Amino acid sequence: SSRPLKQWYQRRVRGKNKEFKNASQREERVTCQEVRDRPGCTLIDVRPKVEFGICAIKDSVNIPFVDLMRMKKEDVAPYIPGDTTEPVFLFCRAGINSQIAVQFLKEHYPEHTLKDVIGGIFGCVQI
């Protein structure tokens, strides 16, 4: 059922910005360059599997947004580093779903540094 997900949106995100454009604060966000400057970091791509299959950032793991929002802490644990000082960067297509995903994961992992990549994969593509 999508009801718990909708309730979570209303409780946690909608109060910050009704359009979800700014679900994360600036300090919870990083630029693509900041991610590039940290080789070997944990990257979670929350785009659908189809999009991930078409184009993916090297060494990223795909956990589709809809699946992630339904996962329990123990299901997400294998993707989150044990070292709480190691940041986890989340991205999507344009940077909105990943902001919401950061807020969701902060409830499960408040001691971790979870960051949204500004602009998502579109913001990181270099032509």
N, C-alpha and C. Protein backbone atom coordinates (compact mmCIF):
# COMPACT_ATOMS: atom_id res chain seq x y z
N SER A 1 0.83 -1.18 0.00
CA SER A 1 0.00 0.00 0.00
C SER A 1 0.88 1.25 0.00
N SER A 2 0.46 2.27 -0.70
CA SER A 2 1.24 3.51 -0.76
C SER A 2 0.83 4.48 0.34
N ARG A 3 -0.13 4.12 1.16
CA ARG A 3 -0.60 5.02 2.21
C ARG A 3 0.50 5.40 3.21
N PRO A 4 1.30 4.44 3.73
CA PRO A 4 2.36 4.84 4.66
C PRO A 4 3.36 5.80 4.01
N LEU A 5 3.67 5.59 2.73
CA LEU A 5 4.60 6.47 2.02
C LEU A 5 4.00 7.87 1.91
N LYS A 6 2.73 7.96 1.57
CA LYS A 6 2.08 9.26 1.45
C LYS A 6 2.06 9.97 2.80
N GLN A 7 1.79 9.22 3.87
CA GLN A 7 1.79 9.82 5.20
C GLN A 7 3.18 10.32 5.57
N TRP A 8 4.20 9.57 5.20
CA TRP A 8 5.57 9.99 5.49
C TRP A 8 5.87 11.30 4.77
N TYR A 9 5.49 11.38 3.49
CA TYR A 9 5.68 12.63 2.73
C TYR A 9 5.04 13.81 3.46
N GLN A 10 3.80 13.62 3.84
CA GLN A 10 3.07 14.70 4.47
C GLN A 10 3.70 15.11 5.80
N ARG A 11 4.14 14.14 6.56
CA ARG A 11 4.70 14.40 7.88
C ARG A 11 6.09 15.04 7.81
N ARG A 12 6.96 14.54 6.94
CA ARG A 12 8.36 14.94 6.95
C ARG A 12 8.76 15.95 5.88
N VAL A 13 8.20 15.86 4.72
CA VAL A 13 8.71 16.66 3.62
C VAL A 13 7.81 17.83 3.28
N ARG A 14 6.56 17.59 3.20
CA ARG A 14 5.65 18.63 2.73
C ARG A 14 5.72 19.90 3.56
N GLY A 15 5.99 19.77 4.85
CA GLY A 15 6.10 20.94 5.70
C GLY A 15 7.28 21.83 5.33
N LYS A 16 8.31 21.26 4.69
CA LYS A 16 9.48 22.05 4.31
C LYS A 16 9.25 22.79 3.00
N ASN A 17 8.60 22.13 2.05
CA ASN A 17 8.35 22.77 0.76
C ASN A 17 7.28 21.95 0.05
N LYS A 18 6.15 22.53 -0.21
CA LYS A 18 5.04 21.79 -0.79
C LYS A 18 5.37 21.19 -2.14
N GLU A 19 6.33 21.74 -2.85
CA GLU A 19 6.68 21.21 -4.15
C GLU A 19 7.87 20.26 -4.08
N PHE A 20 8.40 20.01 -2.89
CA PHE A 20 9.53 19.10 -2.66
C PHE A 20 10.83 19.57 -3.28
N LYS A 21 10.89 20.77 -3.79
CA LYS A 21 12.11 21.22 -4.45
C LYS A 21 13.24 21.44 -3.46
N ASN A 22 12.91 21.76 -2.23
CA ASN A 22 13.94 22.03 -1.23
C ASN A 22 13.70 21.21 0.02
N ALA A 23 13.60 19.90 -0.13
CA ALA A 23 13.38 19.02 1.00
C ALA A 23 14.60 18.97 1.90
N SER A 24 15.79 19.20 1.34
CA SER A 24 17.03 19.18 2.11
C SER A 24 17.55 20.60 2.29
N GLN A 25 18.22 20.83 3.40
CA GLN A 25 18.87 22.10 3.67
C GLN A 25 20.16 22.16 2.86
N ARG A 26 20.72 23.33 2.65
CA ARG A 26 21.94 23.47 1.85
C ARG A 26 23.10 22.64 2.40
N GLU A 27 23.22 22.55 3.72
CA GLU A 27 24.31 21.77 4.30
C GLU A 27 24.13 20.27 4.12
N GLU A 28 22.96 19.85 3.67
CA GLU A 28 22.69 18.44 3.39
C GLU A 28 22.90 18.11 1.91
N ARG A 29 23.43 19.07 1.17
CA ARG A 29 23.59 18.90 -0.27
C ARG A 29 25.04 19.13 -0.68
N VAL A 30 25.46 18.48 -1.76
CA VAL A 30 26.81 18.66 -2.29
C VAL A 30 26.73 18.81 -3.81
N THR A 31 27.77 19.39 -4.36
CA THR A 31 27.85 19.52 -5.81
C THR A 31 28.46 18.25 -6.40
N CYS A 32 28.33 18.09 -7.69
CA CYS A 32 28.95 16.95 -8.37
C CYS A 32 30.46 16.99 -8.22
N GLN A 33 31.03 18.18 -8.23
CA GLN A 33 32.47 18.32 -8.07
C GLN A 33 32.92 17.81 -6.71
N GLU A 34 32.16 18.10 -5.67
CA GLU A 34 32.50 17.61 -4.34
C GLU A 34 32.50 16.08 -4.30
N VAL A 35 31.58 15.46 -5.03
CA VAL A 35 31.54 13.99 -5.10
C VAL A 35 32.76 13.49 -5.87
N ARG A 36 33.08 14.15 -6.98
CA ARG A 36 34.26 13.75 -7.78
C ARG A 36 35.55 13.85 -6.96
N ASP A 37 35.59 14.78 -6.04
CA ASP A 37 36.78 14.99 -5.21
C ASP A 37 36.93 13.92 -4.11
N ARG A 38 35.96 13.02 -4.01
CA ARG A 38 36.00 11.97 -3.00
C ARG A 38 35.90 10.60 -3.65
N PRO A 39 36.94 10.17 -4.35
CA PRO A 39 36.88 8.85 -5.00
C PRO A 39 36.69 7.75 -3.97
N GLY A 40 35.93 6.74 -4.36
CA GLY A 40 35.68 5.61 -3.47
C GLY A 40 34.57 5.83 -2.47
N CYS A 41 33.86 6.95 -2.58
CA CYS A 41 32.78 7.23 -1.64
C CYS A 41 31.55 6.36 -1.96
N THR A 42 30.63 6.30 -1.04
CA THR A 42 29.40 5.52 -1.22
C THR A 42 28.40 6.36 -2.01
N LEU A 43 27.97 5.82 -3.16
CA LEU A 43 27.01 6.49 -4.04
C LEU A 43 25.76 5.63 -4.17
N ILE A 44 24.61 6.20 -3.85
CA ILE A 44 23.34 5.49 -4.01
C ILE A 44 22.50 6.24 -5.02
N ASP A 45 22.16 5.55 -6.10
CA ASP A 45 21.35 6.09 -7.18
C ASP A 45 19.91 5.64 -6.93
N VAL A 46 19.00 6.58 -6.74
CA VAL A 46 17.62 6.23 -6.42
C VAL A 46 16.69 6.28 -7.64
N ARG A 47 17.27 6.33 -8.83
CA ARG A 47 16.46 6.32 -10.05
C ARG A 47 15.89 4.92 -10.29
N PRO A 48 14.85 4.79 -11.10
CA PRO A 48 14.32 3.47 -11.44
C PRO A 48 15.38 2.60 -12.12
N LYS A 49 15.23 1.29 -11.98
CA LYS A 49 16.20 0.34 -12.55
C LYS A 49 16.42 0.56 -14.04
N VAL A 50 15.36 0.89 -14.76
CA VAL A 50 15.47 1.10 -16.21
C VAL A 50 16.44 2.25 -16.50
N GLU A 51 16.30 3.35 -15.79
CA GLU A 51 17.19 4.50 -16.00
C GLU A 51 18.62 4.16 -15.60
N PHE A 52 18.77 3.44 -14.50
CA PHE A 52 20.10 3.03 -14.04
C PHE A 52 20.76 2.14 -15.09
N GLY A 53 19.96 1.28 -15.73
CA GLY A 53 20.49 0.40 -16.76
C GLY A 53 20.96 1.14 -18.00
N ILE A 54 20.38 2.28 -18.27
CA ILE A 54 20.75 3.08 -19.44
C ILE A 54 22.04 3.86 -19.18
N CYS A 55 22.13 4.44 -18.00
CA CYS A 55 23.28 5.30 -17.68
C CYS A 55 23.49 5.27 -16.17
N ALA A 56 24.69 4.92 -15.75
CA ALA A 56 24.99 4.87 -14.32
C ALA A 56 26.36 5.46 -14.03
N ILE A 57 26.49 6.06 -12.87
CA ILE A 57 27.78 6.57 -12.42
C ILE A 57 28.58 5.39 -11.88
N LYS A 58 29.84 5.34 -12.27
CA LYS A 58 30.72 4.24 -11.88
C LYS A 58 30.71 4.04 -10.36
N ASP A 59 30.63 2.77 -9.97
CA ASP A 59 30.66 2.34 -8.56
C ASP A 59 29.43 2.75 -7.75
N SER A 60 28.37 3.21 -8.40
CA SER A 60 27.15 3.52 -7.66
C SER A 60 26.29 2.26 -7.54
N VAL A 61 25.46 2.24 -6.52
CA VAL A 61 24.53 1.14 -6.31
C VAL A 61 23.13 1.70 -6.53
N ASN A 62 22.27 0.90 -7.14
CA ASN A 62 20.91 1.35 -7.45
C ASN A 62 19.92 0.80 -6.43
N ILE A 63 19.25 1.71 -5.75
CA ILE A 63 18.11 1.36 -4.90
C ILE A 63 16.99 2.29 -5.34
N PRO A 64 16.09 1.82 -6.21
CA PRO A 64 15.03 2.70 -6.69
C PRO A 64 14.28 3.40 -5.55
N PHE A 65 13.97 4.66 -5.77
CA PHE A 65 13.32 5.50 -4.77
C PHE A 65 12.11 4.82 -4.14
N VAL A 66 11.22 4.30 -4.96
CA VAL A 66 10.00 3.68 -4.44
C VAL A 66 10.36 2.50 -3.53
N ASP A 67 11.34 1.71 -3.91
CA ASP A 67 11.77 0.58 -3.08
C ASP A 67 12.41 1.07 -1.78
N LEU A 68 13.27 2.05 -1.90
CA LEU A 68 13.97 2.58 -0.72
C LEU A 68 12.99 3.09 0.32
N MET A 69 11.97 3.80 -0.13
CA MET A 69 11.00 4.39 0.79
C MET A 69 10.18 3.35 1.53
N ARG A 70 10.23 2.12 1.06
CA ARG A 70 9.49 1.03 1.72
C ARG A 70 10.40 0.11 2.53
N MET A 71 11.70 0.34 2.45
CA MET A 71 12.66 -0.55 3.11
C MET A 71 12.77 -0.25 4.60
N LYS A 72 13.07 -1.29 5.34
CA LYS A 72 13.35 -1.16 6.77
C LYS A 72 14.84 -0.92 6.94
N LYS A 73 15.20 -0.47 8.12
CA LYS A 73 16.60 -0.15 8.40
C LYS A 73 17.52 -1.33 8.09
N GLU A 74 17.13 -2.53 8.47
CA GLU A 74 17.98 -3.70 8.25
C GLU A 74 18.13 -4.05 6.76
N ASP A 75 17.16 -3.63 5.94
CA ASP A 75 17.26 -3.87 4.50
C ASP A 75 18.22 -2.89 3.83
N VAL A 76 18.32 -1.70 4.39
CA VAL A 76 19.19 -0.67 3.84
C VAL A 76 20.62 -0.83 4.35
N ALA A 77 20.77 -1.43 5.51
CA ALA A 77 22.07 -1.53 6.19
C ALA A 77 23.24 -1.98 5.31
N PRO A 78 23.06 -2.97 4.41
CA PRO A 78 24.21 -3.39 3.60
C PRO A 78 24.77 -2.29 2.68
N TYR A 79 23.98 -1.26 2.44
CA TYR A 79 24.41 -0.19 1.53
C TYR A 79 25.00 1.02 2.27
N ILE A 80 24.89 1.02 3.58
CA ILE A 80 25.36 2.14 4.39
C ILE A 80 26.66 1.70 5.07
N PRO A 81 27.74 2.47 4.90
CA PRO A 81 29.01 2.07 5.52
C PRO A 81 28.94 2.06 7.04
N GLY A 82 29.68 1.14 7.65
CA GLY A 82 29.73 1.08 9.11
C GLY A 82 30.40 2.29 9.71
N ASP A 83 31.33 2.89 8.98
CA ASP A 83 32.05 4.07 9.43
C ASP A 83 31.14 5.29 9.27
N THR A 84 30.69 5.84 10.39
CA THR A 84 29.75 6.96 10.32
C THR A 84 30.39 8.26 9.83
N THR A 85 31.72 8.30 9.75
CA THR A 85 32.38 9.51 9.23
C THR A 85 32.45 9.50 7.70
N GLU A 86 32.20 8.34 7.10
CA GLU A 86 32.22 8.26 5.63
C GLU A 86 30.87 8.73 5.09
N PRO A 87 30.86 9.80 4.28
CA PRO A 87 29.57 10.30 3.78
C PRO A 87 28.95 9.35 2.75
N VAL A 88 27.64 9.41 2.70
CA VAL A 88 26.87 8.66 1.71
C VAL A 88 26.19 9.70 0.83
N PHE A 89 26.44 9.60 -0.49
CA PHE A 89 25.87 10.55 -1.43
C PHE A 89 24.73 9.88 -2.20
N LEU A 90 23.58 10.52 -2.22
CA LEU A 90 22.43 10.02 -2.94
C LEU A 90 22.12 10.93 -4.11
N PHE A 91 21.75 10.33 -5.22
CA PHE A 91 21.37 11.14 -6.38
C PHE A 91 20.27 10.44 -7.15
N CYS A 92 19.59 11.23 -7.96
CA CYS A 92 18.51 10.73 -8.81
C CYS A 92 18.68 11.37 -10.17
N ARG A 93 17.61 11.58 -10.89
CA ARG A 93 17.72 12.18 -12.22
C ARG A 93 18.01 13.67 -12.13
N ALA A 94 17.21 14.40 -11.33
CA ALA A 94 17.37 15.85 -11.29
C ALA A 94 17.58 16.42 -9.89
N GLY A 95 17.58 15.59 -8.86
CA GLY A 95 17.89 16.05 -7.53
C GLY A 95 16.73 16.26 -6.58
N ILE A 96 15.54 15.81 -6.94
CA ILE A 96 14.41 15.99 -6.02
C ILE A 96 14.17 14.72 -5.20
N ASN A 97 14.04 13.58 -5.87
CA ASN A 97 13.83 12.33 -5.12
C ASN A 97 14.98 12.03 -4.17
N SER A 98 16.18 12.37 -4.57
CA SER A 98 17.32 12.10 -3.69
C SER A 98 17.28 12.98 -2.44
N GLN A 99 16.75 14.18 -2.54
CA GLN A 99 16.58 15.02 -1.35
C GLN A 99 15.61 14.36 -0.37
N ILE A 100 14.53 13.85 -0.91
CA ILE A 100 13.53 13.19 -0.08
C ILE A 100 14.12 11.92 0.53
N ALA A 101 14.89 11.18 -0.27
CA ALA A 101 15.53 9.96 0.22
C ALA A 101 16.51 10.25 1.35
N VAL A 102 17.24 11.35 1.26
CA VAL A 102 18.16 11.75 2.34
C VAL A 102 17.38 11.96 3.63
N GLN A 103 16.28 12.67 3.56
CA GLN A 103 15.48 12.92 4.76
C GLN A 103 14.95 11.61 5.34
N PHE A 104 14.51 10.71 4.49
CA PHE A 104 14.00 9.41 4.93
C PHE A 104 15.11 8.61 5.62
N LEU A 105 16.28 8.54 5.02
CA LEU A 105 17.38 7.77 5.60
C LEU A 105 17.91 8.39 6.89
N LYS A 106 17.81 9.69 7.03
CA LYS A 106 18.26 10.34 8.26
C LYS A 106 17.46 9.85 9.47
N GLU A 107 16.24 9.44 9.24
CA GLU A 107 15.44 8.89 10.34
C GLU A 107 16.03 7.56 10.81
N HIS A 108 16.55 6.77 9.87
CA HIS A 108 17.14 5.47 10.21
C HIS A 108 18.60 5.58 10.64
N TYR A 109 19.31 6.53 10.07
CA TYR A 109 20.76 6.66 10.29
C TYR A 109 21.12 8.11 10.68
N PRO A 110 20.64 8.58 11.81
CA PRO A 110 20.91 9.98 12.18
C PRO A 110 22.39 10.27 12.44
N GLU A 111 23.16 9.25 12.75
CA GLU A 111 24.58 9.45 13.05
C GLU A 111 25.44 9.52 11.79
N HIS A 112 24.89 9.18 10.64
CA HIS A 112 25.63 9.19 9.38
C HIS A 112 25.53 10.53 8.67
N THR A 113 26.49 10.79 7.82
CA THR A 113 26.47 11.97 6.96
C THR A 113 25.86 11.56 5.63
N LEU A 114 24.64 11.98 5.42
CA LEU A 114 23.89 11.65 4.20
C LEU A 114 23.70 12.94 3.42
N LYS A 115 24.09 12.93 2.16
CA LYS A 115 24.05 14.14 1.34
C LYS A 115 23.37 13.87 0.00
N ASP A 116 22.63 14.85 -0.44
CA ASP A 116 22.00 14.84 -1.76
C ASP A 116 22.94 15.51 -2.75
N VAL A 117 23.04 14.94 -3.96
CA VAL A 117 23.87 15.54 -5.00
C VAL A 117 22.99 16.53 -5.79
N ILE A 118 23.35 17.79 -5.71
CA ILE A 118 22.57 18.86 -6.35
C ILE A 118 22.48 18.62 -7.86
N GLY A 119 21.27 18.65 -8.37
CA GLY A 119 21.05 18.50 -9.81
C GLY A 119 20.99 17.06 -10.28
N GLY A 120 21.23 16.11 -9.39
CA GLY A 120 21.17 14.70 -9.77
C GLY A 120 22.14 14.35 -10.89
N ILE A 121 21.83 13.29 -11.59
CA ILE A 121 22.72 12.84 -12.67
C ILE A 121 22.76 13.87 -13.79
N PHE A 122 21.67 14.60 -14.01
CA PHE A 122 21.67 15.65 -15.04
C PHE A 122 22.71 16.71 -14.70
N GLY A 123 22.84 17.04 -13.42
CA GLY A 123 23.79 18.05 -13.01
C GLY A 123 25.23 17.60 -13.10
N CYS A 124 25.44 16.27 -13.16
CA CYS A 124 26.80 15.72 -13.19
C CYS A 124 27.28 15.39 -14.59
N VAL A 125 26.39 15.35 -15.55
CA VAL A 125 26.77 14.98 -16.91
C VAL A 125 27.60 16.09 -17.53
N GLN A 126 28.74 15.69 -18.07
CA GLN A 126 29.60 16.65 -18.75
C GLN A 126 29.53 16.38 -20.25
N ILE A 127 29.19 17.40 -21.00
CA ILE A 127 29.08 17.22 -22.45
C ILE A 127 30.37 17.65 -23.11
